[in-house]
Amino acid sequence: SAFFNFQSLLLVILLLICTCTYVRSVMPTLVDRNKQGFLGLFWKCARIGERLSPYVSLACIAMAITM
């Protein structure tokens, strides 16, 4: 399970950020209409991916090297 292994948990979080950012770039209304509640988590991940994109890409590279 990804929740019991720290490296797998980081990988899941990183993939969630990248996926949400991509979905928001393709269909922004799908992510933007849910800013509160549980689905607001996807909007927050998309914002993290947009604003911290150099750091997210470096994290993807680091994760690829370690895997």
PDB file of N, CA and C in Angstrom:
ATOM      1  N   SER A   1       0.836  -1.180   0.000  1.00  0.00           N
ATOM      2  CA  SER A   1       0.000   0.000   0.000  1.00  0.00           C
ATOM      3  C   SER A   1       0.886   1.250   0.000  1.00  0.00           C
ATOM      4  N   ALA A   2       0.445   2.250  -0.701  1.00  0.00           N
ATOM      5  CA  ALA A   2       1.240   3.472  -0.840  1.00  0.00           C
ATOM      6  C   ALA A   2       1.257   4.294   0.439  1.00  0.00           C
ATOM      7  N   PHE A   3       0.333   4.052   1.347  1.00  0.00           N
ATOM      8  CA  PHE A   3       0.276   4.859   2.558  1.00  0.00           C
ATOM      9  C   PHE A   3       1.280   4.414   3.610  1.00  0.00           C
ATOM     10  N   PHE A   4       1.782   3.191   3.500  1.00  0.00           N
ATOM     11  CA  PHE A   4       2.716   2.683   4.487  1.00  0.00           C
ATOM     12  C   PHE A   4       4.168   2.793   4.046  1.00  0.00           C
ATOM     13  N   ASN A   5       4.398   3.092   2.791  1.00  0.00           N
ATOM     14  CA  ASN A   5       5.741   3.272   2.263  1.00  0.00           C
ATOM     15  C   ASN A   5       5.904   4.747   1.896  1.00  0.00           C
ATOM     16  N   PHE A   6       6.865   5.431   2.510  1.00  0.00           N
ATOM     17  CA  PHE A   6       7.008   6.875   2.330  1.00  0.00           C
ATOM     18  C   PHE A   6       7.330   7.240   0.886  1.00  0.00           C
ATOM     19  N   GLN A   7       8.183   6.485   0.229  1.00  0.00           N
ATOM     20  CA  GLN A   7       8.544   6.782  -1.156  1.00  0.00           C
ATOM     21  C   GLN A   7       7.340   6.611  -2.079  1.00  0.00           C
ATOM     22  N   SER A   8       6.541   5.608  -1.835  1.00  0.00           N
ATOM     23  CA  SER A   8       5.342   5.408  -2.649  1.00  0.00           C
ATOM     24  C   SER A   8       4.314   6.504  -2.397  1.00  0.00           C
ATOM     25  N   LEU A   9       4.212   6.969  -1.158  1.00  0.00           N
ATOM     26  CA  LEU A   9       3.305   8.063  -0.838  1.00  0.00           C
ATOM     27  C   LEU A   9       3.730   9.339  -1.555  1.00  0.00           C
ATOM     28  N   LEU A  10       5.022   9.619  -1.573  1.00  0.00           N
ATOM     29  CA  LEU A  10       5.515  10.786  -2.305  1.00  0.00           C
ATOM     30  C   LEU A  10       5.236  10.664  -3.796  1.00  0.00           C
ATOM     31  N   LEU A  11       5.370   9.465  -4.324  1.00  0.00           N
ATOM     32  CA  LEU A  11       5.094   9.242  -5.740  1.00  0.00           C
ATOM     33  C   LEU A  11       3.618   9.480  -6.050  1.00  0.00           C
ATOM     34  N   VAL A  12       2.727   9.010  -5.203  1.00  0.00           N
ATOM     35  CA  VAL A  12       1.297   9.209  -5.419  1.00  0.00           C
ATOM     36  C   VAL A  12       0.946  10.696  -5.361  1.00  0.00           C
ATOM     37  N   ILE A  13       1.505  11.420  -4.410  1.00  0.00           N
ATOM     38  CA  ILE A  13       1.239  12.852  -4.294  1.00  0.00           C
ATOM     39  C   ILE A  13       1.774  13.605  -5.511  1.00  0.00           C
ATOM     40  N   LEU A  14       2.954  13.242  -5.960  1.00  0.00           N
ATOM     41  CA  LEU A  14       3.552  13.880  -7.132  1.00  0.00           C
ATOM     42  C   LEU A  14       2.738  13.607  -8.389  1.00  0.00           C
ATOM     43  N   LEU A  15       2.290  12.385  -8.557  1.00  0.00           N
ATOM     44  CA  LEU A  15       1.456  12.059  -9.717  1.00  0.00           C
ATOM     45  C   LEU A  15       0.107  12.752  -9.645  1.00  0.00           C
ATOM     46  N   LEU A  16      -0.450  12.915  -8.450  1.00  0.00           N
ATOM     47  CA  LEU A  16      -1.717  13.635  -8.289  1.00  0.00           C
ATOM     48  C   LEU A  16      -1.551  15.099  -8.691  1.00  0.00           C
ATOM     49  N   ILE A  17      -0.462  15.717  -8.283  1.00  0.00           N
ATOM     50  CA  ILE A  17      -0.205  17.114  -8.646  1.00  0.00           C
ATOM     51  C   ILE A  17      -0.055  17.255 -10.155  1.00  0.00           C
ATOM     52  N   CYS A  18       0.711  16.385 -10.762  1.00  0.00           N
ATOM     53  CA  CYS A  18       0.928  16.458 -12.215  1.00  0.00           C
ATOM     54  C   CYS A  18      -0.360  16.199 -12.994  1.00  0.00           C
ATOM     55  N   THR A  19      -1.151  15.241 -12.545  1.00  0.00           N
ATOM     56  CA  THR A  19      -2.394  14.910 -13.236  1.00  0.00           C
ATOM     57  C   THR A  19      -3.402  16.049 -13.125  1.00  0.00           C
ATOM     58  N   CYS A  20      -3.533  16.618 -11.938  1.00  0.00           N
ATOM     59  CA  CYS A  20      -4.476  17.729 -11.752  1.00  0.00           C
ATOM     60  C   CYS A  20      -4.069  18.945 -12.573  1.00  0.00           C
ATOM     61  N   THR A  21      -2.785  19.207 -12.657  1.00  0.00           N
ATOM     62  CA  THR A  21      -2.302  20.337 -13.450  1.00  0.00           C
ATOM     63  C   THR A  21      -2.590  20.114 -14.926  1.00  0.00           C
ATOM     64  N   TYR A  22      -2.403  18.903 -15.399  1.00  0.00           N
ATOM     65  CA  TYR A  22      -2.677  18.599 -16.806  1.00  0.00           C
ATOM     66  C   TYR A  22      -4.174  18.701 -17.111  1.00  0.00           C
ATOM     67  N   VAL A  23      -4.993  18.147 -16.235  1.00  0.00           N
ATOM     68  CA  VAL A  23      -6.445  18.197 -16.461  1.00  0.00           C
ATOM     69  C   VAL A  23      -6.932  19.638 -16.462  1.00  0.00           C
ATOM     70  N   ARG A  24      -6.378  20.475 -15.581  1.00  0.00           N
ATOM     71  CA  ARG A  24      -6.781  21.879 -15.543  1.00  0.00           C
ATOM     72  C   ARG A  24      -6.343  22.610 -16.802  1.00  0.00           C
ATOM     73  N   SER A  25      -5.219  22.236 -17.395  1.00  0.00           N
ATOM     74  CA  SER A  25      -4.780  22.899 -18.624  1.00  0.00           C
ATOM     75  C   SER A  25      -5.642  22.493 -19.815  1.00  0.00           C
ATOM     76  N   VAL A  26      -6.178  21.275 -19.793  1.00  0.00           N
ATOM     77  CA  VAL A  26      -7.007  20.802 -20.898  1.00  0.00           C
ATOM     78  C   VAL A  26      -8.455  21.249 -20.731  1.00  0.00           C
ATOM     79  N   MET A  27      -9.015  21.054 -19.533  1.00  0.00           N
ATOM     80  CA  MET A  27     -10.406  21.416 -19.257  1.00  0.00           C
ATOM     81  C   MET A  27     -10.472  22.214 -17.949  1.00  0.00           C
ATOM     82  N   PRO A  28     -10.238  23.515 -17.991  1.00  0.00           N
ATOM     83  CA  PRO A  28     -10.166  24.291 -16.749  1.00  0.00           C
ATOM     84  C   PRO A  28     -11.485  24.353 -15.974  1.00  0.00           C
ATOM     85  N   THR A  29     -12.608  24.287 -16.653  1.00  0.00           N
ATOM     86  CA  THR A  29     -13.882  24.389 -15.938  1.00  0.00           C
ATOM     87  C   THR A  29     -14.149  23.170 -15.072  1.00  0.00           C
ATOM     88  N   LEU A  30     -13.594  22.042 -15.435  1.00  0.00           N
ATOM     89  CA  LEU A  30     -13.795  20.817 -14.665  1.00  0.00           C
ATOM     90  C   LEU A  30     -13.165  20.921 -13.283  1.00  0.00           C
ATOM     91  N   VAL A  31     -12.014  21.550 -13.193  1.00  0.00           N
ATOM     92  CA  VAL A  31     -11.304  21.663 -11.925  1.00  0.00           C
ATOM     93  C   VAL A  31     -11.719  22.934 -11.179  1.00  0.00           C
ATOM     94  N   ASP A  32     -11.973  24.018 -11.901  1.00  0.00           N
ATOM     95  CA  ASP A  32     -12.229  25.310 -11.265  1.00  0.00           C
ATOM     96  C   ASP A  32     -13.584  25.395 -10.573  1.00  0.00           C
ATOM     97  N   ARG A  33     -14.538  24.575 -10.975  1.00  0.00           N
ATOM     98  CA  ARG A  33     -15.860  24.692 -10.362  1.00  0.00           C
ATOM     99  C   ARG A  33     -15.919  24.069  -8.970  1.00  0.00           C
ATOM    100  N   ASN A  34     -14.942  23.276  -8.606  1.00  0.00           N
ATOM    101  CA  ASN A  34     -14.910  22.625  -7.294  1.00  0.00           C
ATOM    102  C   ASN A  34     -13.742  23.157  -6.482  1.00  0.00           C
ATOM    103  N   LYS A  35     -13.948  24.292  -5.836  1.00  0.00           N
ATOM    104  CA  LYS A  35     -12.874  24.897  -5.047  1.00  0.00           C
ATOM    105  C   LYS A  35     -13.013  24.617  -3.560  1.00  0.00           C
ATOM    106  N   GLN A  36     -14.165  24.164  -3.118  1.00  0.00           N
ATOM    107  CA  GLN A  36     -14.370  23.842  -1.715  1.00  0.00           C
ATOM    108  C   GLN A  36     -14.710  22.368  -1.573  1.00  0.00           C
ATOM    109  N   GLY A  37     -14.549  21.885  -0.365  1.00  0.00           N
ATOM    110  CA  GLY A  37     -14.892  20.505  -0.077  1.00  0.00           C
ATOM    111  C   GLY A  37     -13.790  19.537  -0.460  1.00  0.00           C
ATOM    112  N   PHE A  38     -14.169  18.273  -0.566  1.00  0.00           N
ATOM    113  CA  PHE A  38     -13.188  17.235  -0.887  1.00  0.00           C
ATOM    114  C   PHE A  38     -12.624  17.409  -2.289  1.00  0.00           C
ATOM    115  N   LEU A  39     -13.460  17.794  -3.251  1.00  0.00           N
ATOM    116  CA  LEU A  39     -12.978  17.973  -4.618  1.00  0.00           C
ATOM    117  C   LEU A  39     -12.095  19.211  -4.766  1.00  0.00           C
ATOM    118  N   GLY A  40     -12.099  20.083  -3.758  1.00  0.00           N
ATOM    119  CA  GLY A  40     -11.192  21.225  -3.754  1.00  0.00           C
ATOM    120  C   GLY A  40      -9.738  20.803  -3.638  1.00  0.00           C
ATOM    121  N   LEU A  41      -9.511  19.581  -3.167  1.00  0.00           N
ATOM    122  CA  LEU A  41      -8.153  19.041  -3.095  1.00  0.00           C
ATOM    123  C   LEU A  41      -7.518  18.984  -4.481  1.00  0.00           C
ATOM    124  N   PHE A  42      -8.303  18.646  -5.503  1.00  0.00           N
ATOM    125  CA  PHE A  42      -7.779  18.578  -6.863  1.00  0.00           C
ATOM    126  C   PHE A  42      -7.451  19.976  -7.395  1.00  0.00           C
ATOM    127  N   TRP A  43      -8.265  20.958  -7.031  1.00  0.00           N
ATOM    128  CA  TRP A  43      -7.987  22.331  -7.439  1.00  0.00           C
ATOM    129  C   TRP A  43      -6.697  22.825  -6.780  1.00  0.00           C
ATOM    130  N   LYS A  44      -6.513  22.489  -5.501  1.00  0.00           N
ATOM    131  CA  LYS A  44      -5.298  22.898  -4.792  1.00  0.00           C
ATOM    132  C   LYS A  44      -4.067  22.225  -5.386  1.00  0.00           C
ATOM    133  N   CYS A  45      -4.187  20.967  -5.757  1.00  0.00           N
ATOM    134  CA  CYS A  45      -3.054  20.272  -6.391  1.00  0.00           C
ATOM    135  C   CYS A  45      -2.717  20.899  -7.741  1.00  0.00           C
ATOM    136  N   ALA A  46      -3.737  21.322  -8.482  1.00  0.00           N
ATOM    137  CA  ALA A  46      -3.488  21.980  -9.765  1.00  0.00           C
ATOM    138  C   ALA A  46      -2.788  23.314  -9.567  1.00  0.00           C
ATOM    139  N   ARG A  47      -3.171  24.058  -8.531  1.00  0.00           N
ATOM    140  CA  ARG A  47      -2.517  25.329  -8.248  1.00  0.00           C
ATOM    141  C   ARG A  47      -1.058  25.128  -7.838  1.00  0.00           C
ATOM    142  N   ILE A  48      -0.806  24.108  -7.051  1.00  0.00           N
ATOM    143  CA  ILE A  48       0.576  23.794  -6.664  1.00  0.00           C
ATOM    144  C   ILE A  48       1.393  23.463  -7.903  1.00  0.00           C
ATOM    145  N   GLY A  49       0.831  22.675  -8.798  1.00  0.00           N
ATOM    146  CA  GLY A  49       1.540  22.308 -10.021  1.00  0.00           C
ATOM    147  C   GLY A  49       1.812  23.489 -10.930  1.00  0.00           C
ATOM    148  N   GLU A  50       0.890  24.455 -10.960  1.00  0.00           N
ATOM    149  CA  GLU A  50       1.090  25.629 -11.805  1.00  0.00           C
ATOM    150  C   GLU A  50       2.120  26.587 -11.211  1.00  0.00           C
ATOM    151  N   ARG A  51       2.023  26.838  -9.931  1.00  0.00           N
ATOM    152  CA  ARG A  51       2.882  27.853  -9.314  1.00  0.00           C
ATOM    153  C   ARG A  51       4.278  27.343  -8.985  1.00  0.00           C
ATOM    154  N   LEU A  52       4.400  26.073  -8.685  1.00  0.00           N
ATOM    155  CA  LEU A  52       5.701  25.509  -8.323  1.00  0.00           C
ATOM    156  C   LEU A  52       6.203  24.536  -9.387  1.00  0.00           C
ATOM    157  N   SER A  53       5.918  24.810 -10.642  1.00  0.00           N
ATOM    158  CA  SER A  53       6.246  23.864 -11.701  1.00  0.00           C
ATOM    159  C   SER A  53       7.736  23.526 -11.803  1.00  0.00           C
ATOM    160  N   PRO A  54       8.683  24.454 -11.594  1.00  0.00           N
ATOM    161  CA  PRO A  54      10.094  24.042 -11.644  1.00  0.00           C
ATOM    162  C   PRO A  54      10.443  23.040 -10.543  1.00  0.00           C
ATOM    163  N   TYR A  55       9.900  23.257  -9.364  1.00  0.00           N
ATOM    164  CA  TYR A  55      10.184  22.347  -8.253  1.00  0.00           C
ATOM    165  C   TYR A  55       9.487  21.003  -8.436  1.00  0.00           C
ATOM    166  N   VAL A  56       8.289  21.029  -9.003  1.00  0.00           N
ATOM    167  CA  VAL A  56       7.578  19.772  -9.274  1.00  0.00           C
ATOM    168  C   VAL A  56       8.316  18.977 -10.335  1.00  0.00           C
ATOM    169  N   SER A  57       8.827  19.649 -11.353  1.00  0.00           N
ATOM    170  CA  SER A  57       9.568  18.924 -12.395  1.00  0.00           C
ATOM    171  C   SER A  57      10.886  18.363 -11.851  1.00  0.00           C
ATOM    172  N   LEU A  58      11.538  19.110 -10.968  1.00  0.00           N
ATOM    173  CA  LEU A  58      12.752  18.574 -10.339  1.00  0.00           C
ATOM    174  C   LEU A  58      12.423  17.385  -9.453  1.00  0.00           C
ATOM    175  N   ALA A  59      11.293  17.436  -8.776  1.00  0.00           N
ATOM    176  CA  ALA A  59      10.870  16.292  -7.957  1.00  0.00           C
ATOM    177  C   ALA A  59      10.558  15.081  -8.824  1.00  0.00           C
ATOM    178  N   CYS A  60       9.971  15.309 -10.001  1.00  0.00           N
ATOM    179  CA  CYS A  60       9.708  14.194 -10.928  1.00  0.00           C
ATOM    180  C   CYS A  60      11.008  13.568 -11.405  1.00  0.00           C
ATOM    181  N   ILE A  61      11.988  14.395 -11.714  1.00  0.00           N
ATOM    182  CA  ILE A  61      13.285  13.882 -12.153  1.00  0.00           C
ATOM    183  C   ILE A  61      13.971  13.101 -11.023  1.00  0.00           C
ATOM    184  N   ALA A  62      13.922  13.658  -9.821  1.00  0.00           N
ATOM    185  CA  ALA A  62      14.529  12.969  -8.677  1.00  0.00           C
ATOM    186  C   ALA A  62      13.836  11.643  -8.403  1.00  0.00           C
ATOM    187  N   MET A  63      12.523  11.606  -8.520  1.00  0.00           N
ATOM    188  CA  MET A  63      11.787  10.373  -8.302  1.00  0.00           C
ATOM    189  C   MET A  63      12.121   9.347  -9.389  1.00  0.00           C
ATOM    190  N   ALA A  64      12.284   9.805 -10.620  1.00  0.00           N
ATOM    191  CA  ALA A  64      12.641   8.884 -11.697  1.00  0.00           C
ATOM    192  C   ALA A  64      14.028   8.274 -11.479  1.00  0.00           C
ATOM    193  N   ILE A  65      14.948   9.074 -10.970  1.00  0.00           N
ATOM    194  CA  ILE A  65      16.297   8.572 -10.711  1.00  0.00           C
ATOM    195  C   ILE A  65      16.285   7.553  -9.582  1.00  0.00           C
ATOM    196  N   THR A  66      15.521   7.839  -8.531  1.00  0.00           N
ATOM    197  CA  THR A  66      15.497   6.918  -7.397  1.00  0.00           C
ATOM    198  C   THR A  66      14.734   5.633  -7.687  1.00  0.00           C
ATOM    199  N   MET A  67      13.785   5.697  -8.596  1.00  0.00           N
ATOM    200  CA  MET A  67      13.035   4.473  -8.928  1.00  0.00           C
ATOM    201  C   MET A  67      13.884   3.585  -9.824  1.00  0.00           C
TER     202      MET A  67
END
